Amino acid sequence: MSKNVFIILGVVSFVVTILSSVMLFVKEASSMDLVGYIRRDCVPYNVFVQNGEKDYSVKISWSTKADCVGFVLYGNNSNSLDLVAVDLTNKAKSMNHEVVLEGILSAESYYFLINSGEKSYGSSGSPIIFSSDSL
C-alpha cells in the first residue's frame, strides 16, 4: 500500500511541477496576469471631453498607466455606436491619448465608449453622453 501512495504522490508532484513551470513562462493570457487578475494598466483615467479647435468638433483625451492602443466608438444612439475615432496624435501604443470627433452638431446628444487594451470603457458599463452645447 505504501508503494501505491508513493506512486500517486510522485505523479501529483510531477503534474503540479509541470503546471507551475508553464504558468511561469506565460506572461499574459487574454488580459490577465499569472494569478488571474484583470490587468488594470489600460484602464482610462483623467478623461476630458472639450470643444475641438475646429467648428463642430470635440476632443476626447485620456491617460493610461501603460502604453496601450486607444480609439473611441461613438454615435447619436447609445445602442448603436457606429462611428470610430482613432488616436491619430499617438498612432502607436501610448500612455496619453487624444481623438477628435468631427461633424458634431450642437443640438444633438452623442454617446461614446473608449476602447483601450482591447476592452471598452464608459460610465458604469454604459456609454458616456455629451452634447457640444454643454461643453
N, C-alpha and C. Protein backbone atom coordinates (compact mmCIF):
# COMPACT_ATOMS: atom_id res chain seq x y z
N MET A 1 0.81 -1.19 0.00
CA MET A 1 0.00 0.00 0.00
C MET A 1 0.86 1.27 0.00
N SER A 2 1.97 1.26 0.71
CA SER A 2 2.85 2.42 0.76
C SER A 2 3.48 2.69 -0.61
N LYS A 3 3.66 1.63 -1.40
CA LYS A 3 4.20 1.80 -2.75
C LYS A 3 3.20 2.56 -3.63
N ASN A 4 1.90 2.26 -3.52
CA ASN A 4 0.86 2.96 -4.29
C ASN A 4 0.77 4.43 -3.90
N VAL A 5 0.86 4.71 -2.61
CA VAL A 5 0.83 6.10 -2.14
C VAL A 5 2.03 6.86 -2.69
N PHE A 6 3.20 6.22 -2.68
CA PHE A 6 4.41 6.84 -3.20
C PHE A 6 4.26 7.16 -4.70
N ILE A 7 3.69 6.27 -5.46
CA ILE A 7 3.49 6.48 -6.91
C ILE A 7 2.49 7.62 -7.14
N ILE A 8 1.40 7.62 -6.38
CA ILE A 8 0.38 8.68 -6.55
C ILE A 8 0.97 10.05 -6.20
N LEU A 9 1.69 10.13 -5.10
CA LEU A 9 2.33 11.40 -4.73
C LEU A 9 3.34 11.84 -5.78
N GLY A 10 4.08 10.91 -6.33
CA GLY A 10 5.04 11.24 -7.38
C GLY A 10 4.37 11.80 -8.62
N VAL A 11 3.27 11.19 -9.05
CA VAL A 11 2.53 11.66 -10.23
C VAL A 11 1.94 13.04 -9.97
N VAL A 12 1.33 13.23 -8.80
CA VAL A 12 0.73 14.53 -8.46
C VAL A 12 1.82 15.61 -8.41
N SER A 13 2.94 15.31 -7.81
CA SER A 13 4.06 16.27 -7.75
C SER A 13 4.55 16.62 -9.14
N PHE A 14 4.64 15.64 -10.01
CA PHE A 14 5.08 15.89 -11.39
C PHE A 14 4.12 16.82 -12.12
N VAL A 15 2.80 16.57 -11.99
CA VAL A 15 1.79 17.39 -12.66
C VAL A 15 1.82 18.82 -12.12
N VAL A 16 1.94 18.97 -10.81
CA VAL A 16 2.00 20.31 -10.21
C VAL A 16 3.24 21.04 -10.69
N THR A 17 4.36 20.37 -10.77
CA THR A 17 5.60 20.99 -11.25
C THR A 17 5.47 21.44 -12.69
N ILE A 18 4.89 20.63 -13.54
CA ILE A 18 4.70 21.00 -14.95
C ILE A 18 3.77 22.21 -15.07
N LEU A 19 2.65 22.20 -14.36
CA LEU A 19 1.71 23.33 -14.42
C LEU A 19 2.35 24.62 -13.90
N SER A 20 3.12 24.53 -12.84
CA SER A 20 3.81 25.71 -12.30
C SER A 20 4.81 26.26 -13.30
N SER A 21 5.54 25.38 -13.96
CA SER A 21 6.52 25.81 -14.96
C SER A 21 5.85 26.52 -16.13
N VAL A 22 4.74 25.98 -16.59
CA VAL A 22 4.02 26.60 -17.71
C VAL A 22 3.53 27.98 -17.30
N MET A 23 2.99 28.12 -16.10
CA MET A 23 2.48 29.42 -15.64
C MET A 23 3.59 30.45 -15.51
N LEU A 24 4.80 30.03 -15.16
CA LEU A 24 5.90 30.97 -15.05
C LEU A 24 6.31 31.53 -16.41
N PHE A 25 6.14 30.78 -17.47
CA PHE A 25 6.55 31.22 -18.79
C PHE A 25 5.45 31.96 -19.55
N VAL A 26 4.24 31.91 -19.06
CA VAL A 26 3.13 32.61 -19.72
C VAL A 26 2.99 33.97 -19.06
N LYS A 27 3.23 35.03 -19.81
CA LYS A 27 3.13 36.36 -19.23
C LYS A 27 1.71 36.86 -19.19
N GLU A 28 1.01 36.75 -20.31
CA GLU A 28 -0.35 37.25 -20.37
C GLU A 28 -1.20 36.30 -21.18
N ALA A 29 -2.42 36.12 -20.73
CA ALA A 29 -3.40 35.35 -21.49
C ALA A 29 -4.72 36.08 -21.36
N SER A 30 -5.18 36.62 -22.46
CA SER A 30 -6.44 37.36 -22.54
C SER A 30 -6.57 38.40 -21.43
N SER A 31 -5.61 39.33 -21.39
CA SER A 31 -5.61 40.47 -20.48
C SER A 31 -5.58 40.10 -19.01
N MET A 32 -5.06 38.96 -18.68
CA MET A 32 -4.96 38.57 -17.27
C MET A 32 -3.50 38.29 -16.94
N ASP A 33 -3.15 38.53 -15.68
CA ASP A 33 -1.81 38.19 -15.27
C ASP A 33 -1.77 36.74 -14.77
N LEU A 34 -0.65 36.31 -14.22
CA LEU A 34 -0.47 34.90 -13.88
C LEU A 34 -1.47 34.37 -12.86
N VAL A 35 -1.92 35.20 -11.95
CA VAL A 35 -2.84 34.71 -10.93
C VAL A 35 -4.29 34.97 -11.28
N GLY A 36 -4.57 35.46 -12.48
CA GLY A 36 -5.94 35.58 -12.94
C GLY A 36 -6.59 36.93 -12.71
N TYR A 37 -5.86 37.89 -12.19
CA TYR A 37 -6.45 39.21 -12.00
C TYR A 37 -6.41 39.98 -13.32
N ILE A 38 -7.46 40.74 -13.59
CA ILE A 38 -7.50 41.54 -14.82
C ILE A 38 -6.48 42.67 -14.70
N ARG A 39 -5.70 42.83 -15.73
CA ARG A 39 -4.70 43.90 -15.73
C ARG A 39 -5.40 45.24 -15.83
N ARG A 40 -4.99 46.17 -15.05
CA ARG A 40 -5.61 47.49 -14.98
C ARG A 40 -4.76 48.57 -15.66
N ASP A 41 -3.71 48.17 -16.36
CA ASP A 41 -2.80 49.14 -16.96
C ASP A 41 -3.42 49.97 -18.07
N CYS A 42 -4.42 49.44 -18.77
CA CYS A 42 -5.01 50.16 -19.90
C CYS A 42 -6.36 50.79 -19.55
N VAL A 43 -6.72 50.82 -18.29
CA VAL A 43 -7.98 51.46 -17.88
C VAL A 43 -7.81 52.97 -18.03
N PRO A 44 -8.72 53.62 -18.78
CA PRO A 44 -8.61 55.08 -18.97
C PRO A 44 -8.87 55.83 -17.66
N TYR A 45 -8.11 56.89 -17.45
CA TYR A 45 -8.36 57.81 -16.35
C TYR A 45 -8.08 59.22 -16.84
N ASN A 46 -8.49 60.23 -16.06
CA ASN A 46 -8.38 61.63 -16.47
C ASN A 46 -9.00 61.83 -17.87
N VAL A 47 -10.24 61.42 -18.02
CA VAL A 47 -10.95 61.55 -19.29
C VAL A 47 -11.51 62.97 -19.38
N PHE A 48 -11.19 63.66 -20.47
CA PHE A 48 -11.68 65.02 -20.71
C PHE A 48 -12.41 65.08 -22.04
N VAL A 49 -13.57 65.74 -22.04
CA VAL A 49 -14.34 66.00 -23.26
C VAL A 49 -14.44 67.51 -23.38
N GLN A 50 -13.93 68.05 -24.49
CA GLN A 50 -13.94 69.51 -24.67
C GLN A 50 -14.12 69.86 -26.13
N ASN A 51 -14.45 71.12 -26.37
CA ASN A 51 -14.61 71.58 -27.75
C ASN A 51 -13.28 71.45 -28.47
N GLY A 52 -13.35 71.03 -29.74
CA GLY A 52 -12.15 70.92 -30.56
C GLY A 52 -11.72 72.27 -31.10
N GLU A 53 -10.59 72.29 -31.79
CA GLU A 53 -10.07 73.53 -32.36
C GLU A 53 -10.91 74.01 -33.54
N LYS A 54 -11.49 73.08 -34.30
CA LYS A 54 -12.33 73.44 -35.45
C LYS A 54 -13.79 73.52 -35.02
N ASP A 55 -14.60 74.23 -35.82
CA ASP A 55 -16.04 74.25 -35.58
C ASP A 55 -16.59 72.84 -35.73
N TYR A 56 -17.60 72.54 -34.95
CA TYR A 56 -18.29 71.24 -35.00
C TYR A 56 -17.37 70.06 -34.69
N SER A 57 -16.38 70.29 -33.83
CA SER A 57 -15.51 69.18 -33.42
C SER A 57 -15.41 69.14 -31.90
N VAL A 58 -15.15 67.94 -31.41
CA VAL A 58 -15.00 67.71 -29.97
C VAL A 58 -13.74 66.86 -29.79
N LYS A 59 -12.94 67.22 -28.78
CA LYS A 59 -11.72 66.47 -28.48
C LYS A 59 -11.95 65.68 -27.20
N ILE A 60 -11.64 64.37 -27.27
CA ILE A 60 -11.71 63.48 -26.09
C ILE A 60 -10.28 63.02 -25.82
N SER A 61 -9.83 63.22 -24.59
CA SER A 61 -8.48 62.79 -24.22
C SER A 61 -8.53 62.00 -22.93
N TRP A 62 -7.55 61.10 -22.77
CA TRP A 62 -7.44 60.28 -21.57
C TRP A 62 -6.03 59.76 -21.43
N SER A 63 -5.74 59.21 -20.25
CA SER A 63 -4.43 58.63 -19.96
C SER A 63 -4.60 57.18 -19.53
N THR A 64 -3.52 56.42 -19.68
CA THR A 64 -3.46 55.04 -19.19
C THR A 64 -2.12 54.86 -18.47
N LYS A 65 -2.03 53.87 -17.60
CA LYS A 65 -0.80 53.64 -16.83
C LYS A 65 0.29 52.96 -17.66
N ALA A 66 -0.09 52.31 -18.75
CA ALA A 66 0.87 51.63 -19.61
C ALA A 66 0.64 52.09 -21.05
N ASP A 67 1.57 51.76 -21.93
CA ASP A 67 1.40 52.04 -23.35
C ASP A 67 0.31 51.14 -23.91
N CYS A 68 -0.77 51.75 -24.40
CA CYS A 68 -1.92 51.00 -24.92
C CYS A 68 -2.38 51.63 -26.22
N VAL A 69 -3.03 50.85 -27.05
CA VAL A 69 -3.68 51.36 -28.25
C VAL A 69 -5.07 51.82 -27.85
N GLY A 70 -5.49 53.00 -28.33
CA GLY A 70 -6.80 53.51 -27.95
C GLY A 70 -7.57 54.09 -29.11
N PHE A 71 -8.90 53.94 -29.06
CA PHE A 71 -9.79 54.58 -30.01
C PHE A 71 -11.15 54.75 -29.35
N VAL A 72 -12.04 55.50 -30.01
CA VAL A 72 -13.36 55.80 -29.46
C VAL A 72 -14.43 55.35 -30.44
N LEU A 73 -15.43 54.67 -29.92
CA LEU A 73 -16.65 54.36 -30.67
C LEU A 73 -17.70 55.37 -30.24
N TYR A 74 -18.41 55.99 -31.20
CA TYR A 74 -19.40 56.99 -30.82
C TYR A 74 -20.56 57.01 -31.81
N GLY A 75 -21.62 57.70 -31.42
CA GLY A 75 -22.80 57.82 -32.27
C GLY A 75 -23.90 58.59 -31.56
N ASN A 76 -25.03 58.78 -32.27
CA ASN A 76 -26.18 59.51 -31.73
C ASN A 76 -27.09 58.65 -30.87
N ASN A 77 -26.89 57.34 -30.91
CA ASN A 77 -27.74 56.41 -30.18
C ASN A 77 -26.84 55.53 -29.30
N SER A 78 -27.19 55.41 -28.02
CA SER A 78 -26.34 54.63 -27.11
C SER A 78 -26.29 53.15 -27.48
N ASN A 79 -27.27 52.68 -28.23
CA ASN A 79 -27.29 51.27 -28.65
C ASN A 79 -26.62 51.04 -29.99
N SER A 80 -26.21 52.12 -30.65
CA SER A 80 -25.60 51.99 -31.97
C SER A 80 -24.42 52.96 -32.10
N LEU A 81 -23.30 52.57 -31.56
CA LEU A 81 -22.09 53.38 -31.66
C LEU A 81 -21.35 52.94 -32.92
N ASP A 82 -21.76 53.52 -34.05
CA ASP A 82 -21.29 53.04 -35.34
C ASP A 82 -20.19 53.89 -35.97
N LEU A 83 -19.71 54.91 -35.26
CA LEU A 83 -18.63 55.74 -35.76
C LEU A 83 -17.37 55.48 -34.94
N VAL A 84 -16.21 55.61 -35.60
CA VAL A 84 -14.94 55.34 -34.93
C VAL A 84 -14.02 56.54 -35.08
N ALA A 85 -13.38 56.93 -33.98
CA ALA A 85 -12.35 57.96 -34.00
C ALA A 85 -11.06 57.33 -33.47
N VAL A 86 -10.00 57.42 -34.27
CA VAL A 86 -8.73 56.79 -33.93
C VAL A 86 -7.78 57.85 -33.37
N ASP A 87 -6.96 57.44 -32.42
CA ASP A 87 -5.96 58.32 -31.83
C ASP A 87 -4.85 58.55 -32.85
N LEU A 88 -4.99 59.60 -33.66
CA LEU A 88 -4.01 59.89 -34.71
C LEU A 88 -2.79 60.63 -34.17
N THR A 89 -2.94 61.29 -33.02
CA THR A 89 -1.82 62.00 -32.41
C THR A 89 -0.76 61.02 -31.93
N ASN A 90 -1.21 59.95 -31.29
CA ASN A 90 -0.31 58.92 -30.75
C ASN A 90 -0.61 57.62 -31.49
N LYS A 91 -0.13 57.50 -32.72
CA LYS A 91 -0.53 56.42 -33.62
C LYS A 91 -0.23 55.02 -33.06
N ALA A 92 0.87 54.86 -32.38
CA ALA A 92 1.19 53.56 -31.80
C ALA A 92 0.71 53.54 -30.35
N LYS A 93 1.14 52.56 -29.62
CA LYS A 93 0.77 52.49 -28.21
C LYS A 93 1.32 53.70 -27.47
N SER A 94 0.50 54.20 -26.53
CA SER A 94 0.88 55.39 -25.79
C SER A 94 0.21 55.39 -24.43
N MET A 95 0.66 56.27 -23.56
CA MET A 95 0.02 56.46 -22.25
C MET A 95 -0.91 57.67 -22.28
N ASN A 96 -0.76 58.53 -23.28
CA ASN A 96 -1.61 59.71 -23.44
C ASN A 96 -2.35 59.59 -24.77
N HIS A 97 -3.67 59.75 -24.71
CA HIS A 97 -4.50 59.51 -25.89
C HIS A 97 -5.37 60.72 -26.18
N GLU A 98 -5.65 60.92 -27.47
CA GLU A 98 -6.48 62.05 -27.89
C GLU A 98 -7.15 61.70 -29.21
N VAL A 99 -8.45 61.89 -29.26
CA VAL A 99 -9.18 61.72 -30.52
C VAL A 99 -10.01 62.97 -30.75
N VAL A 100 -10.26 63.27 -32.01
CA VAL A 100 -11.10 64.41 -32.37
C VAL A 100 -12.29 63.89 -33.16
N LEU A 101 -13.48 64.22 -32.67
CA LEU A 101 -14.72 63.85 -33.36
C LEU A 101 -15.13 65.04 -34.22
N GLU A 102 -15.33 64.82 -35.50
CA GLU A 102 -15.68 65.88 -36.44
C GLU A 102 -17.17 65.82 -36.77
N GLY A 103 -17.74 66.94 -37.18
CA GLY A 103 -19.13 66.98 -37.60
C GLY A 103 -20.12 66.84 -36.45
N ILE A 104 -19.76 67.28 -35.28
CA ILE A 104 -20.62 67.18 -34.10
C ILE A 104 -21.59 68.36 -34.10
N LEU A 105 -22.88 68.07 -34.16
CA LEU A 105 -23.90 69.11 -34.17
C LEU A 105 -24.24 69.52 -32.74
N SER A 106 -24.37 70.83 -32.53
CA SER A 106 -24.56 71.33 -31.17
C SER A 106 -25.91 70.96 -30.57
N ALA A 107 -26.92 70.76 -31.38
CA ALA A 107 -28.27 70.49 -30.87
C ALA A 107 -28.49 69.01 -30.54
N GLU A 108 -27.53 68.14 -30.85
CA GLU A 108 -27.72 66.70 -30.65
C GLU A 108 -26.86 66.18 -29.51
N SER A 109 -27.34 65.09 -28.91
CA SER A 109 -26.55 64.38 -27.89
C SER A 109 -25.79 63.25 -28.57
N TYR A 110 -24.60 62.99 -28.07
CA TYR A 110 -23.75 61.92 -28.58
C TYR A 110 -23.32 61.01 -27.43
N TYR A 111 -23.01 59.78 -27.78
CA TYR A 111 -22.58 58.78 -26.82
C TYR A 111 -21.25 58.22 -27.28
N PHE A 112 -20.39 57.86 -26.32
CA PHE A 112 -19.11 57.27 -26.71
C PHE A 112 -18.61 56.29 -25.67
N LEU A 113 -17.78 55.36 -26.15
CA LEU A 113 -17.03 54.42 -25.32
C LEU A 113 -15.57 54.52 -25.72
N ILE A 114 -14.69 54.50 -24.74
CA ILE A 114 -13.26 54.46 -25.01
C ILE A 114 -12.84 53.00 -25.08
N ASN A 115 -12.15 52.64 -26.14
CA ASN A 115 -11.60 51.29 -26.28
C ASN A 115 -10.10 51.38 -26.03
N SER A 116 -9.66 50.65 -25.01
CA SER A 116 -8.26 50.70 -24.62
C SER A 116 -7.85 49.31 -24.17
N GLY A 117 -6.77 48.82 -24.74
CA GLY A 117 -6.30 47.48 -24.37
C GLY A 117 -7.32 46.40 -24.67
N GLU A 118 -8.01 46.52 -25.79
CA GLU A 118 -8.99 45.53 -26.27
C GLU A 118 -10.24 45.41 -25.39
N LYS A 119 -10.55 46.48 -24.63
CA LYS A 119 -11.73 46.48 -23.79
C LYS A 119 -12.40 47.85 -23.87
N SER A 120 -13.75 47.87 -23.78
CA SER A 120 -14.50 49.13 -23.84
C SER A 120 -14.76 49.67 -22.45
N TYR A 121 -14.66 50.99 -22.32
CA TYR A 121 -14.88 51.66 -21.04
C TYR A 121 -15.85 52.82 -21.23
N GLY A 122 -16.76 52.95 -20.29
CA GLY A 122 -17.72 54.05 -20.29
C GLY A 122 -17.98 54.48 -18.86
N SER A 123 -19.24 54.74 -18.57
CA SER A 123 -19.65 55.13 -17.22
C SER A 123 -20.49 54.00 -16.65
N SER A 124 -19.94 53.25 -15.74
CA SER A 124 -20.62 52.09 -15.13
C SER A 124 -21.11 51.10 -16.19
N GLY A 125 -20.29 50.90 -17.22
CA GLY A 125 -20.61 49.94 -18.27
C GLY A 125 -21.45 50.50 -19.40
N SER A 126 -21.93 51.72 -19.28
CA SER A 126 -22.76 52.35 -20.32
C SER A 126 -21.97 53.43 -21.04
N PRO A 127 -22.35 53.75 -22.26
CA PRO A 127 -21.67 54.83 -22.98
C PRO A 127 -21.82 56.17 -22.25
N ILE A 128 -20.83 57.02 -22.41
CA ILE A 128 -20.84 58.36 -21.82
C ILE A 128 -21.58 59.29 -22.78
N ILE A 129 -22.44 60.14 -22.25
CA ILE A 129 -23.23 61.06 -23.08
C ILE A 129 -22.67 62.46 -22.99
N PHE A 130 -22.71 63.19 -24.11
CA PHE A 130 -22.33 64.60 -24.11
C PHE A 130 -23.05 65.32 -25.26
N SER A 131 -23.12 66.61 -25.18
CA SER A 131 -23.55 67.45 -26.30
C SER A 131 -22.59 68.63 -26.33
N SER A 132 -22.31 69.15 -27.50
CA SER A 132 -21.32 70.24 -27.58
C SER A 132 -21.85 71.52 -26.93
N ASP A 133 -23.17 71.65 -26.77
CA ASP A 133 -23.75 72.80 -26.06
C ASP A 133 -23.34 72.81 -24.59
N SER A 134 -23.12 71.61 -24.01
CA SER A 134 -22.83 71.53 -22.59
C SER A 134 -21.33 71.60 -22.29
N LEU A 135 -20.50 71.74 -23.32
CA LEU A 135 -19.04 71.78 -23.10
C LEU A 135 -18.56 73.19 -22.89
